[in-house]
């Protein structure tokens, strides 16, 4: 019973070994791809955090610019209103 063939002249043990080898190789490949995916996830998270920080800084800079522009408008408006009509 241990030397049964199935038309391709391979005994059962040889077929089981071949299937097991394929499964092991597939698992190794899966493990490597999973490791790469985890690494990419960490890099993506870090990049997202940096982007969020940059967006916060940009919002603060925009607020500062808006405040300066408002002050400039007030100064120019007061100068224009003091000029005599021509």
C-alpha atoms as a PDB file:
ATOM      1  CA  UNK A   1       0.000   0.000   0.000  1.00  0.00           C
ATOM      2  CA  UNK A   2       2.939   2.351   0.571  1.00  0.00           C
ATOM      3  CA  UNK A   3       4.081   2.024  -3.063  1.00  0.00           C
ATOM      4  CA  UNK A   4       0.734   2.727  -4.733  1.00  0.00           C
ATOM      5  CA  UNK A   5       1.006   4.665  -7.969  1.00  0.00           C
ATOM      6  CA  UNK A   6      -1.625   6.769  -9.609  1.00  0.00           C
ATOM      7  CA  UNK A   7      -0.794   6.474 -13.287  1.00  0.00           C
ATOM      8  CA  UNK A   8       2.202   8.829 -13.241  1.00  0.00           C
ATOM      9  CA  UNK A   9       4.675   6.375 -11.747  1.00  0.00           C
ATOM     10  CA  UNK A  10       5.043   8.398  -8.508  1.00  0.00           C
ATOM     11  CA  UNK A  11       4.286   6.769  -5.228  1.00  0.00           C
ATOM     12  CA  UNK A  12       2.073   8.460  -2.661  1.00  0.00           C
ATOM     13  CA  UNK A  13       4.958   9.609  -0.495  1.00  0.00           C
ATOM     14  CA  UNK A  14       6.594  11.386  -3.435  1.00  0.00           C
ATOM     15  CA  UNK A  15       3.332  13.163  -4.263  1.00  0.00           C
ATOM     16  CA  UNK A  16       2.816  14.196  -0.632  1.00  0.00           C
ATOM     17  CA  UNK A  17       6.405  15.461  -0.443  1.00  0.00           C
ATOM     18  CA  UNK A  18       5.926  17.528  -3.616  1.00  0.00           C
ATOM     19  CA  UNK A  19       2.717  19.060  -2.294  1.00  0.00           C
ATOM     20  CA  UNK A  20       4.339  19.751   1.053  1.00  0.00           C
ATOM     21  CA  UNK A  21       7.282  21.437  -0.678  1.00  0.00           C
ATOM     22  CA  UNK A  22       4.906  23.668  -2.652  1.00  0.00           C
ATOM     23  CA  UNK A  23       3.034  24.586   0.527  1.00  0.00           C
ATOM     24  CA  UNK A  24       6.246  25.425   2.366  1.00  0.00           C
ATOM     25  CA  UNK A  25       7.488  27.580  -0.522  1.00  0.00           C
ATOM     26  CA  UNK A  26       4.139  29.372  -0.731  1.00  0.00           C
ATOM     27  CA  UNK A  27       4.213  29.998   3.004  1.00  0.00           C
ATOM     28  CA  UNK A  28       7.737  31.429   2.807  1.00  0.00           C
ATOM     29  CA  UNK A  29       6.656  33.734  -0.014  1.00  0.00           C
ATOM     30  CA  UNK A  30       3.533  34.766   1.927  1.00  0.00           C
ATOM     31  CA  UNK A  31       5.651  35.482   5.014  1.00  0.00           C
ATOM     32  CA  UNK A  32       8.018  37.720   3.017  1.00  0.00           C
ATOM     33  CA  UNK A  33       5.131  39.610   1.388  1.00  0.00           C
ATOM     34  CA  UNK A  34       3.471  40.055   4.777  1.00  0.00           C
ATOM     35  CA  UNK A  35       6.715  41.464   6.203  1.00  0.00           C
ATOM     36  CA  UNK A  36       6.949  43.931   3.314  1.00  0.00           C
ATOM     37  CA  UNK A  37       3.327  44.950   3.840  1.00  0.00           C
ATOM     38  CA  UNK A  38       3.922  45.623   7.524  1.00  0.00           C
ATOM     39  CA  UNK A  39       6.980  47.715   6.679  1.00  0.00           C
ATOM     40  CA  UNK A  40       4.962  49.717   4.131  1.00  0.00           C
ATOM     41  CA  UNK A  41       2.224  50.243   6.701  1.00  0.00           C
ATOM     42  CA  UNK A  42       4.715  51.704   9.188  1.00  0.00           C
ATOM     43  CA  UNK A  43       6.176  54.012   6.530  1.00  0.00           C
ATOM     44  CA  UNK A  44       2.691  55.112   5.458  1.00  0.00           C
ATOM     45  CA  UNK A  45       1.701  55.863   9.057  1.00  0.00           C
ATOM     46  CA  UNK A  46       4.865  57.914   9.600  1.00  0.00           C
ATOM     47  CA  UNK A  47       4.302  59.851   6.377  1.00  0.00           C
ATOM     48  CA  UNK A  48       0.678  60.520   7.321  1.00  0.00           C
ATOM     49  CA  UNK A  49       1.780  61.881  10.696  1.00  0.00           C
ATOM     50  CA  UNK A  50       4.287  64.202   9.021  1.00  0.00           C
ATOM     51  CA  UNK A  51       1.616  65.376   6.588  1.00  0.00           C
ATOM     52  CA  UNK A  52      -0.795  66.111   9.439  1.00  0.00           C
ATOM     53  CA  UNK A  53       1.908  68.116  11.240  1.00  0.00           C
ATOM     54  CA  UNK A  54       2.681  70.079   8.077  1.00  0.00           C
ATOM     55  CA  UNK A  55      -1.017  70.821   7.597  1.00  0.00           C
ATOM     56  CA  UNK A  56      -1.255  72.131  11.181  1.00  0.00           C
ATOM     57  CA  UNK A  57       1.766  74.364  10.600  1.00  0.00           C
ATOM     58  CA  UNK A  58       0.289  75.609   7.324  1.00  0.00           C
ATOM     59  CA  UNK A  59      -2.986  76.505   9.049  1.00  0.00           C
ATOM     60  CA  UNK A  60      -1.075  78.519  11.672  1.00  0.00           C
ATOM     61  CA  UNK A  61       0.907  80.321   8.971  1.00  0.00           C
ATOM     62  CA  UNK A  62      -2.296  81.082   7.048  1.00  0.00           C
ATOM     63  CA  UNK A  63      -3.863  82.561  10.183  1.00  0.00           C
ATOM     64  CA  UNK A  64      -0.782  84.747  10.708  1.00  0.00           C
ATOM     65  CA  UNK A  65      -0.953  85.894   7.059  1.00  0.00           C
ATOM     66  CA  UNK A  66      -4.654  86.705   7.393  1.00  0.00           C
ATOM     67  CA  UNK A  67      -3.991  88.774  10.514  1.00  0.00           C
ATOM     68  CA  UNK A  68      -1.176  90.705   8.794  1.00  0.00           C
ATOM     69  CA  UNK A  69      -3.326  91.319   5.736  1.00  0.00           C
ATOM     70  CA  UNK A  70      -6.180  92.607   7.880  1.00  0.00           C
ATOM     71  CA  UNK A  71      -3.780  95.011   9.627  1.00  0.00           C
ATOM     72  CA  UNK A  72      -2.436  96.208   6.271  1.00  0.00           C
ATOM     73  CA  UNK A  73      -5.968  96.797   4.971  1.00  0.00           C
ATOM     74  CA  UNK A  74      -6.757  98.923   8.026  1.00  0.00           C
ATOM     75  CA  UNK A  75      -3.589 101.026   7.537  1.00  0.00           C
ATOM     76  CA  UNK A  76      -4.174 101.540   3.807  1.00  0.00           C
ATOM     77  CA  UNK A  77      -7.842 102.318   4.390  1.00  0.00           C
ATOM     78  CA  UNK A  78      -6.985 104.990   6.968  1.00  0.00           C
ATOM     79  CA  UNK A  79      -4.427 106.546   4.598  1.00  0.00           C
ATOM     80  CA  UNK A  80      -6.863 106.591   1.681  1.00  0.00           C
ATOM     81  CA  UNK A  81      -9.647 108.137   3.759  1.00  0.00           C
ATOM     82  CA  UNK A  82      -7.361 110.984   4.896  1.00  0.00           C
ATOM     83  CA  UNK A  83      -6.393 112.004   1.392  1.00  0.00           C
ATOM     84  CA  UNK A  84      -8.351 114.953   0.032  1.00  0.00           C
ATOM     85  CA  UNK A  85     -10.609 114.218  -2.939  1.00  0.00           C
ATOM     86  CA  UNK A  86      -9.194 115.239  -6.282  1.00  0.00           C
END
